[in-house]
Amino acid sequence: MKPLFDRVLRGQYPPGSTLKPFIGLAGLEHKITTMHQTLFCPGYYQLPNKSHKYRDWKKWGHGKVNFRYCYYPVMWMSIL
């Protein structure tokens, strides 16, 4: 632990969830999706023709979600 290390200014972290709203908004702007379209979140994402599953933190998934109320707008990438 480095108590004098300024993690906000000096720390290097992946962008993660900060980009997800922008991805969702791009889908809305390009009319790929709507605010009311729903998706089912099973708790993982699997690329086409691949066996590996990228697991969500919630093993059983979030169920039916839409853009307006979803936890992760990145789920909308499956529509893009």
PDB file of N, CA and C in Angstrom:
ATOM      1  N   MET A   1       0.845  -1.178   0.000  1.00  0.00           N
ATOM      2  CA  MET A   1       0.000   0.000   0.000  1.00  0.00           C
ATOM      3  C   MET A   1       0.890   1.241   0.000  1.00  0.00           C
ATOM      4  N   LYS A   2       0.540   2.200  -0.811  1.00  0.00           N
ATOM      5  CA  LYS A   2       1.295   3.450  -0.900  1.00  0.00           C
ATOM      6  C   LYS A   2       0.361   4.599  -0.515  1.00  0.00           C
ATOM      7  N   PRO A   3       0.383   5.045   0.727  1.00  0.00           N
ATOM      8  CA  PRO A   3      -0.562   6.070   1.164  1.00  0.00           C
ATOM      9  C   PRO A   3      -0.385   7.426   0.479  1.00  0.00           C
ATOM     10  N   LEU A   4       0.796   7.715  -0.064  1.00  0.00           N
ATOM     11  CA  LEU A   4       1.024   9.004  -0.713  1.00  0.00           C
ATOM     12  C   LEU A   4       0.800   8.956  -2.219  1.00  0.00           C
ATOM     13  N   PHE A   5       0.429   7.793  -2.740  1.00  0.00           N
ATOM     14  CA  PHE A   5       0.188   7.639  -4.181  1.00  0.00           C
ATOM     15  C   PHE A   5      -1.214   8.146  -4.510  1.00  0.00           C
ATOM     16  N   ASP A   6      -1.329   9.124  -5.384  1.00  0.00           N
ATOM     17  CA  ASP A   6      -2.622   9.696  -5.774  1.00  0.00           C
ATOM     18  C   ASP A   6      -3.264   8.791  -6.828  1.00  0.00           C
ATOM     19  N   ARG A   7      -4.136   7.902  -6.396  1.00  0.00           N
ATOM     20  CA  ARG A   7      -4.746   6.921  -7.302  1.00  0.00           C
ATOM     21  C   ARG A   7      -5.656   7.571  -8.346  1.00  0.00           C
ATOM     22  N   VAL A   8      -6.261   8.688  -8.014  1.00  0.00           N
ATOM     23  CA  VAL A   8      -7.155   9.372  -8.952  1.00  0.00           C
ATOM     24  C   VAL A   8      -6.382   9.924 -10.139  1.00  0.00           C
ATOM     25  N   LEU A   9      -5.273  10.580  -9.872  1.00  0.00           N
ATOM     26  CA  LEU A   9      -4.505  11.211 -10.949  1.00  0.00           C
ATOM     27  C   LEU A   9      -3.430  10.311 -11.544  1.00  0.00           C
ATOM     28  N   ARG A  10      -2.847   9.434 -10.740  1.00  0.00           N
ATOM     29  CA  ARG A  10      -1.715   8.625 -11.197  1.00  0.00           C
ATOM     30  C   ARG A  10      -2.064   7.168 -11.500  1.00  0.00           C
ATOM     31  N   GLY A  11      -3.172   6.699 -10.959  1.00  0.00           N
ATOM     32  CA  GLY A  11      -3.549   5.305 -11.165  1.00  0.00           C
ATOM     33  C   GLY A  11      -3.964   5.042 -12.606  1.00  0.00           C
ATOM     34  N   GLN A  12      -3.605   3.881 -13.122  1.00  0.00           N
ATOM     35  CA  GLN A  12      -3.990   3.498 -14.482  1.00  0.00           C
ATOM     36  C   GLN A  12      -4.974   2.341 -14.389  1.00  0.00           C
ATOM     37  N   TYR A  13      -6.207   2.606 -14.807  1.00  0.00           N
ATOM     38  CA  TYR A  13      -7.275   1.626 -14.700  1.00  0.00           C
ATOM     39  C   TYR A  13      -7.979   1.495 -16.044  1.00  0.00           C
ATOM     40  N   PRO A  14      -8.499   0.303 -16.361  1.00  0.00           N
ATOM     41  CA  PRO A  14      -9.267   0.161 -17.604  1.00  0.00           C
ATOM     42  C   PRO A  14     -10.550   0.992 -17.526  1.00  0.00           C
ATOM     43  N   PRO A  15     -11.057   1.472 -18.671  1.00  0.00           N
ATOM     44  CA  PRO A  15     -12.223   2.363 -18.657  1.00  0.00           C
ATOM     45  C   PRO A  15     -13.496   1.714 -18.131  1.00  0.00           C
ATOM     46  N   GLY A  16     -13.677   0.416 -18.358  1.00  0.00           N
ATOM     47  CA  GLY A  16     -14.815  -0.306 -17.808  1.00  0.00           C
ATOM     48  C   GLY A  16     -16.160   0.348 -18.029  1.00  0.00           C
ATOM     49  N   SER A  17     -16.916   0.500 -16.963  1.00  0.00           N
ATOM     50  CA  SER A  17     -18.303   0.959 -17.041  1.00  0.00           C
ATOM     51  C   SER A  17     -18.475   2.402 -17.488  1.00  0.00           C
ATOM     52  N   THR A  18     -17.420   3.178 -17.500  1.00  0.00           N
ATOM     53  CA  THR A  18     -17.575   4.573 -17.914  1.00  0.00           C
ATOM     54  C   THR A  18     -17.912   4.699 -19.390  1.00  0.00           C
ATOM     55  N   LEU A  19     -17.552   3.720 -20.200  1.00  0.00           N
ATOM     56  CA  LEU A  19     -17.831   3.771 -21.638  1.00  0.00           C
ATOM     57  C   LEU A  19     -19.187   3.182 -22.005  1.00  0.00           C
ATOM     58  N   LYS A  20     -19.740   2.358 -21.162  1.00  0.00           N
ATOM     59  CA  LYS A  20     -20.966   1.632 -21.503  1.00  0.00           C
ATOM     60  C   LYS A  20     -22.160   2.534 -21.826  1.00  0.00           C
ATOM     61  N   PRO A  21     -22.401   3.607 -21.095  1.00  0.00           N
ATOM     62  CA  PRO A  21     -23.524   4.484 -21.481  1.00  0.00           C
ATOM     63  C   PRO A  21     -23.342   5.090 -22.870  1.00  0.00           C
ATOM     64  N   PHE A  22     -22.112   5.403 -23.232  1.00  0.00           N
ATOM     65  CA  PHE A  22     -21.857   5.987 -24.550  1.00  0.00           C
ATOM     66  C   PHE A  22     -22.101   4.976 -25.669  1.00  0.00           C
ATOM     67  N   ILE A  23     -21.793   3.707 -25.413  1.00  0.00           N
ATOM     68  CA  ILE A  23     -22.069   2.653 -26.391  1.00  0.00           C
ATOM     69  C   ILE A  23     -23.577   2.536 -26.597  1.00  0.00           C
ATOM     70  N   GLY A  24     -24.326   2.557 -25.497  1.00  0.00           N
ATOM     71  CA  GLY A  24     -25.786   2.500 -25.592  1.00  0.00           C
ATOM     72  C   GLY A  24     -26.371   3.701 -26.311  1.00  0.00           C
ATOM     73  N   LEU A  25     -25.851   4.886 -26.003  1.00  0.00           N
ATOM     74  CA  LEU A  25     -26.342   6.097 -26.666  1.00  0.00           C
ATOM     75  C   LEU A  25     -26.036   6.089 -28.158  1.00  0.00           C
ATOM     76  N   ALA A  26     -24.905   5.517 -28.542  1.00  0.00           N
ATOM     77  CA  ALA A  26     -24.579   5.405 -29.970  1.00  0.00           C
ATOM     78  C   ALA A  26     -25.599   4.514 -30.668  1.00  0.00           C
ATOM     79  N   GLY A  27     -26.017   3.432 -30.007  1.00  0.00           N
ATOM     80  CA  GLY A  27     -27.050   2.569 -30.570  1.00  0.00           C
ATOM     81  C   GLY A  27     -28.368   3.297 -30.761  1.00  0.00           C
ATOM     82  N   LEU A  28     -28.718   4.165 -29.813  1.00  0.00           N
ATOM     83  CA  LEU A  28     -29.944   4.961 -29.938  1.00  0.00           C
ATOM     84  C   LEU A  28     -29.824   5.979 -31.069  1.00  0.00           C
ATOM     85  N   GLU A  29     -28.680   6.644 -31.135  1.00  0.00           N
ATOM     86  CA  GLU A  29     -28.483   7.680 -32.151  1.00  0.00           C
ATOM     87  C   GLU A  29     -28.539   7.120 -33.567  1.00  0.00           C
ATOM     88  N   HIS A  30     -27.998   5.915 -33.753  1.00  0.00           N
ATOM     89  CA  HIS A  30     -27.972   5.300 -35.083  1.00  0.00           C
ATOM     90  C   HIS A  30     -29.206   4.437 -35.347  1.00  0.00           C
ATOM     91  N   LYS A  31     -30.193   4.545 -34.448  1.00  0.00           N
ATOM     92  CA  LYS A  31     -31.474   3.843 -34.596  1.00  0.00           C
ATOM     93  C   LYS A  31     -31.314   2.321 -34.701  1.00  0.00           C
ATOM     94  N   ILE A  32     -30.326   1.795 -33.974  1.00  0.00           N
ATOM     95  CA  ILE A  32     -30.109   0.353 -33.919  1.00  0.00           C
ATOM     96  C   ILE A  32     -30.999  -0.260 -32.842  1.00  0.00           C
ATOM     97  N   THR A  33     -31.330   0.533 -31.841  1.00  0.00           N
ATOM     98  CA  THR A  33     -32.176   0.077 -30.747  1.00  0.00           C
ATOM     99  C   THR A  33     -33.085   1.226 -30.299  1.00  0.00           C
ATOM    100  N   THR A  34     -33.994   0.928 -29.383  1.00  0.00           N
ATOM    101  CA  THR A  34     -34.872   1.955 -28.815  1.00  0.00           C
ATOM    102  C   THR A  34     -34.794   1.879 -27.295  1.00  0.00           C
ATOM    103  N   MET A  35     -35.363   2.876 -26.634  1.00  0.00           N
ATOM    104  CA  MET A  35     -35.374   2.898 -25.165  1.00  0.00           C
ATOM    105  C   MET A  35     -36.240   1.778 -24.587  1.00  0.00           C
ATOM    106  N   HIS A  36     -37.179   1.268 -25.377  1.00  0.00           N
ATOM    107  CA  HIS A  36     -38.152   0.313 -24.852  1.00  0.00           C
ATOM    108  C   HIS A  36     -37.895  -1.129 -25.273  1.00  0.00           C
ATOM    109  N   GLN A  37     -36.957  -1.361 -26.161  1.00  0.00           N
ATOM    110  CA  GLN A  37     -36.651  -2.727 -26.584  1.00  0.00           C
ATOM    111  C   GLN A  37     -36.045  -3.484 -25.404  1.00  0.00           C
ATOM    112  N   THR A  38     -36.471  -4.723 -25.193  1.00  0.00           N
ATOM    113  CA  THR A  38     -35.965  -5.498 -24.061  1.00  0.00           C
ATOM    114  C   THR A  38     -35.063  -6.624 -24.529  1.00  0.00           C
ATOM    115  N   LEU A  39     -34.142  -6.972 -23.656  1.00  0.00           N
ATOM    116  CA  LEU A  39     -33.243  -8.103 -23.855  1.00  0.00           C
ATOM    117  C   LEU A  39     -33.310  -8.972 -22.610  1.00  0.00           C
ATOM    118  N   PHE A  40     -32.993 -10.250 -22.780  1.00  0.00           N
ATOM    119  CA  PHE A  40     -32.905 -11.128 -21.625  1.00  0.00           C
ATOM    120  C   PHE A  40     -31.436 -11.319 -21.280  1.00  0.00           C
ATOM    121  N   CYS A  41     -31.060 -11.032 -20.054  1.00  0.00           N
ATOM    122  CA  CYS A  41     -29.684 -11.210 -19.581  1.00  0.00           C
ATOM    123  C   CYS A  41     -29.602 -12.525 -18.814  1.00  0.00           C
ATOM    124  N   PRO A  42     -28.938 -13.574 -19.385  1.00  0.00           N
ATOM    125  CA  PRO A  42     -28.847 -14.861 -18.714  1.00  0.00           C
ATOM    126  C   PRO A  42     -27.721 -14.940 -17.680  1.00  0.00           C
ATOM    127  N   GLY A  43     -26.893 -13.892 -17.570  1.00  0.00           N
ATOM    128  CA  GLY A  43     -25.784 -13.921 -16.620  1.00  0.00           C
ATOM    129  C   GLY A  43     -24.437 -14.145 -17.277  1.00  0.00           C
ATOM    130  N   TYR A  44     -24.422 -14.175 -18.597  1.00  0.00           N
ATOM    131  CA  TYR A  44     -23.156 -14.333 -19.322  1.00  0.00           C
ATOM    132  C   TYR A  44     -23.320 -13.805 -20.735  1.00  0.00           C
ATOM    133  N   TYR A  45     -22.192 -13.586 -21.399  1.00  0.00           N
ATOM    134  CA  TYR A  45     -22.199 -13.226 -22.818  1.00  0.00           C
ATOM    135  C   TYR A  45     -21.291 -14.206 -23.528  1.00  0.00           C
ATOM    136  N   GLN A  46     -21.763 -14.742 -24.628  1.00  0.00           N
ATOM    137  CA  GLN A  46     -20.995 -15.721 -25.389  1.00  0.00           C
ATOM    138  C   GLN A  46     -20.886 -15.249 -26.829  1.00  0.00           C
ATOM    139  N   LEU A  47     -19.663 -15.126 -27.312  1.00  0.00           N
ATOM    140  CA  LEU A  47     -19.442 -14.719 -28.693  1.00  0.00           C
ATOM    141  C   LEU A  47     -19.945 -15.800 -29.641  1.00  0.00           C
ATOM    142  N   PRO A  48     -20.444 -15.424 -30.814  1.00  0.00           N
ATOM    143  CA  PRO A  48     -20.901 -16.421 -31.782  1.00  0.00           C
ATOM    144  C   PRO A  48     -19.775 -17.394 -32.151  1.00  0.00           C
ATOM    145  N   ASN A  49     -20.103 -18.655 -32.251  1.00  0.00           N
ATOM    146  CA  ASN A  49     -19.172 -19.725 -32.634  1.00  0.00           C
ATOM    147  C   ASN A  49     -18.026 -19.916 -31.650  1.00  0.00           C
ATOM    148  N   LYS A  50     -18.193 -19.512 -30.404  1.00  0.00           N
ATOM    149  CA  LYS A  50     -17.175 -19.696 -29.365  1.00  0.00           C
ATOM    150  C   LYS A  50     -17.813 -20.395 -28.178  1.00  0.00           C
ATOM    151  N   SER A  51     -17.018 -21.195 -27.462  1.00  0.00           N
ATOM    152  CA  SER A  51     -17.559 -21.924 -26.319  1.00  0.00           C
ATOM    153  C   SER A  51     -17.392 -21.160 -25.000  1.00  0.00           C
ATOM    154  N   HIS A  52     -16.435 -20.230 -24.944  1.00  0.00           N
ATOM    155  CA  HIS A  52     -16.184 -19.501 -23.698  1.00  0.00           C
ATOM    156  C   HIS A  52     -17.339 -18.549 -23.380  1.00  0.00           C
ATOM    157  N   LYS A  53     -17.723 -18.525 -22.105  1.00  0.00           N
ATOM    158  CA  LYS A  53     -18.775 -17.618 -21.647  1.00  0.00           C
ATOM    159  C   LYS A  53     -18.149 -16.564 -20.732  1.00  0.00           C
ATOM    160  N   TYR A  54     -18.419 -15.302 -21.031  1.00  0.00           N
ATOM    161  CA  TYR A  54     -17.966 -14.203 -20.183  1.00  0.00           C
ATOM    162  C   TYR A  54     -19.050 -13.975 -19.141  1.00  0.00           C
ATOM    163  N   ARG A  55     -18.740 -14.313 -17.904  1.00  0.00           N
ATOM    164  CA  ARG A  55     -19.731 -14.308 -16.826  1.00  0.00           C
ATOM    165  C   ARG A  55     -19.974 -12.917 -16.258  1.00  0.00           C
ATOM    166  N   ASP A  56     -21.215 -12.694 -15.876  1.00  0.00           N
ATOM    167  CA  ASP A  56     -21.621 -11.478 -15.190  1.00  0.00           C
ATOM    168  C   ASP A  56     -21.360 -11.676 -13.699  1.00  0.00           C
ATOM    169  N   TRP A  57     -21.329 -10.601 -12.942  1.00  0.00           N
ATOM    170  CA  TRP A  57     -21.157 -10.729 -11.497  1.00  0.00           C
ATOM    171  C   TRP A  57     -22.369 -11.394 -10.864  1.00  0.00           C
ATOM    172  N   LYS A  58     -23.511 -11.299 -11.513  1.00  0.00           N
ATOM    173  CA  LYS A  58     -24.742 -11.905 -11.008  1.00  0.00           C
ATOM    174  C   LYS A  58     -24.951 -13.203 -11.787  1.00  0.00           C
ATOM    175  N   LYS A  59     -24.565 -14.340 -11.196  1.00  0.00           N
ATOM    176  CA  LYS A  59     -24.528 -15.623 -11.902  1.00  0.00           C
ATOM    177  C   LYS A  59     -25.824 -15.979 -12.611  1.00  0.00           C
ATOM    178  N   TRP A  60     -26.954 -15.672 -12.011  1.00  0.00           N
ATOM    179  CA  TRP A  60     -28.247 -16.050 -12.594  1.00  0.00           C
ATOM    180  C   TRP A  60     -28.779 -14.990 -13.556  1.00  0.00           C
ATOM    181  N   GLY A  61     -28.034 -13.905 -13.738  1.00  0.00           N
ATOM    182  CA  GLY A  61     -28.416 -12.883 -14.711  1.00  0.00           C
ATOM    183  C   GLY A  61     -29.345 -11.828 -14.135  1.00  0.00           C
ATOM    184  N   HIS A  62     -29.691 -10.877 -14.963  1.00  0.00           N
ATOM    185  CA  HIS A  62     -30.560  -9.770 -14.560  1.00  0.00           C
ATOM    186  C   HIS A  62     -31.974  -9.923 -15.109  1.00  0.00           C
ATOM    187  N   GLY A  63     -32.222 -10.998 -15.866  1.00  0.00           N
ATOM    188  CA  GLY A  63     -33.548 -11.194 -16.444  1.00  0.00           C
ATOM    189  C   GLY A  63     -33.800 -10.244 -17.595  1.00  0.00           C
ATOM    190  N   LYS A  64     -35.056  -9.824 -17.752  1.00  0.00           N
ATOM    191  CA  LYS A  64     -35.401  -8.896 -18.838  1.00  0.00           C
ATOM    192  C   LYS A  64     -34.980  -7.480 -18.450  1.00  0.00           C
ATOM    193  N   VAL A  65     -34.235  -6.841 -19.345  1.00  0.00           N
ATOM    194  CA  VAL A  65     -33.791  -5.465 -19.112  1.00  0.00           C
ATOM    195  C   VAL A  65     -34.016  -4.646 -20.377  1.00  0.00           C
ATOM    196  N   ASN A  66     -34.188  -3.344 -20.198  1.00  0.00           N
ATOM    197  CA  ASN A  66     -34.218  -2.456 -21.355  1.00  0.00           C
ATOM    198  C   ASN A  66     -33.172  -1.371 -21.141  1.00  0.00           C
ATOM    199  N   PHE A  67     -32.927  -0.577 -22.152  1.00  0.00           N
ATOM    200  CA  PHE A  67     -31.858   0.414 -22.075  1.00  0.00           C
ATOM    201  C   PHE A  67     -32.064   1.391 -20.924  1.00  0.00           C
ATOM    202  N   ARG A  68     -33.283   1.768 -20.724  1.00  0.00           N
ATOM    203  CA  ARG A  68     -33.561   2.785 -19.708  1.00  0.00           C
ATOM    204  C   ARG A  68     -33.258   2.304 -18.296  1.00  0.00           C
ATOM    205  N   TYR A  69     -33.465   1.030 -18.027  1.00  0.00           N
ATOM    206  CA  TYR A  69     -33.310   0.526 -16.670  1.00  0.00           C
ATOM    207  C   TYR A  69     -32.237  -0.543 -16.508  1.00  0.00           C
ATOM    208  N   CYS A  70     -31.435  -0.769 -17.515  1.00  0.00           N
ATOM    209  CA  CYS A  70     -30.452  -1.853 -17.384  1.00  0.00           C
ATOM    210  C   CYS A  70     -29.236  -1.407 -16.588  1.00  0.00           C
ATOM    211  N   TYR A  71     -28.581  -2.364 -15.983  1.00  0.00           N
ATOM    212  CA  TYR A  71     -27.366  -2.099 -15.226  1.00  0.00           C
ATOM    213  C   TYR A  71     -26.191  -1.870 -16.167  1.00  0.00           C
ATOM    214  N   TYR A  72     -26.150  -2.640 -17.244  1.00  0.00           N
ATOM    215  CA  TYR A  72     -25.005  -2.614 -18.144  1.00  0.00           C
ATOM    216  C   TYR A  72     -25.458  -2.355 -19.571  1.00  0.00           C
ATOM    217  N   PRO A  73     -25.394  -1.119 -20.056  1.00  0.00           N
ATOM    218  CA  PRO A  73     -25.761  -0.873 -21.457  1.00  0.00           C
ATOM    219  C   PRO A  73     -24.921  -1.676 -22.442  1.00  0.00           C
ATOM    220  N   VAL A  74     -23.817  -2.246 -21.990  1.00  0.00           N
ATOM    221  CA  VAL A  74     -23.010  -3.057 -22.899  1.00  0.00           C
ATOM    222  C   VAL A  74     -23.785  -4.285 -23.376  1.00  0.00           C
ATOM    223  N   MET A  75     -24.835  -4.690 -22.655  1.00  0.00           N
ATOM    224  CA  MET A  75     -25.654  -5.812 -23.117  1.00  0.00           C
ATOM    225  C   MET A  75     -26.278  -5.501 -24.468  1.00  0.00           C
ATOM    226  N   TRP A  76     -26.428  -4.219 -24.770  1.00  0.00           N
ATOM    227  CA  TRP A  76     -27.013  -3.811 -26.044  1.00  0.00           C
ATOM    228  C   TRP A  76     -26.065  -4.068 -27.197  1.00  0.00           C
ATOM    229  N   MET A  77     -24.813  -4.364 -26.911  1.00  0.00           N
ATOM    230  CA  MET A  77     -23.863  -4.642 -27.991  1.00  0.00           C
ATOM    231  C   MET A  77     -24.276  -5.880 -28.776  1.00  0.00           C
ATOM    232  N   SER A  78     -25.037  -6.781 -28.142  1.00  0.00           N
ATOM    233  CA  SER A  78     -25.480  -7.967 -28.870  1.00  0.00           C
ATOM    234  C   SER A  78     -26.442  -7.599 -29.995  1.00  0.00           C
ATOM    235  N   ILE A  79     -27.036  -6.404 -29.934  1.00  0.00           N
ATOM    236  CA  ILE A  79     -27.926  -5.945 -30.999  1.00  0.00           C
ATOM    237  C   ILE A  79     -27.126  -5.293 -32.118  1.00  0.00           C
ATOM    238  N   LEU A  80     -26.016  -4.642 -31.750  1.00  0.00           N
ATOM    239  CA  LEU A  80     -25.230  -3.871 -32.724  1.00  0.00           C
ATOM    240  C   LEU A  80     -24.624  -4.734 -33.801  1.00  0.00           C
TER     241      LEU A  80
END
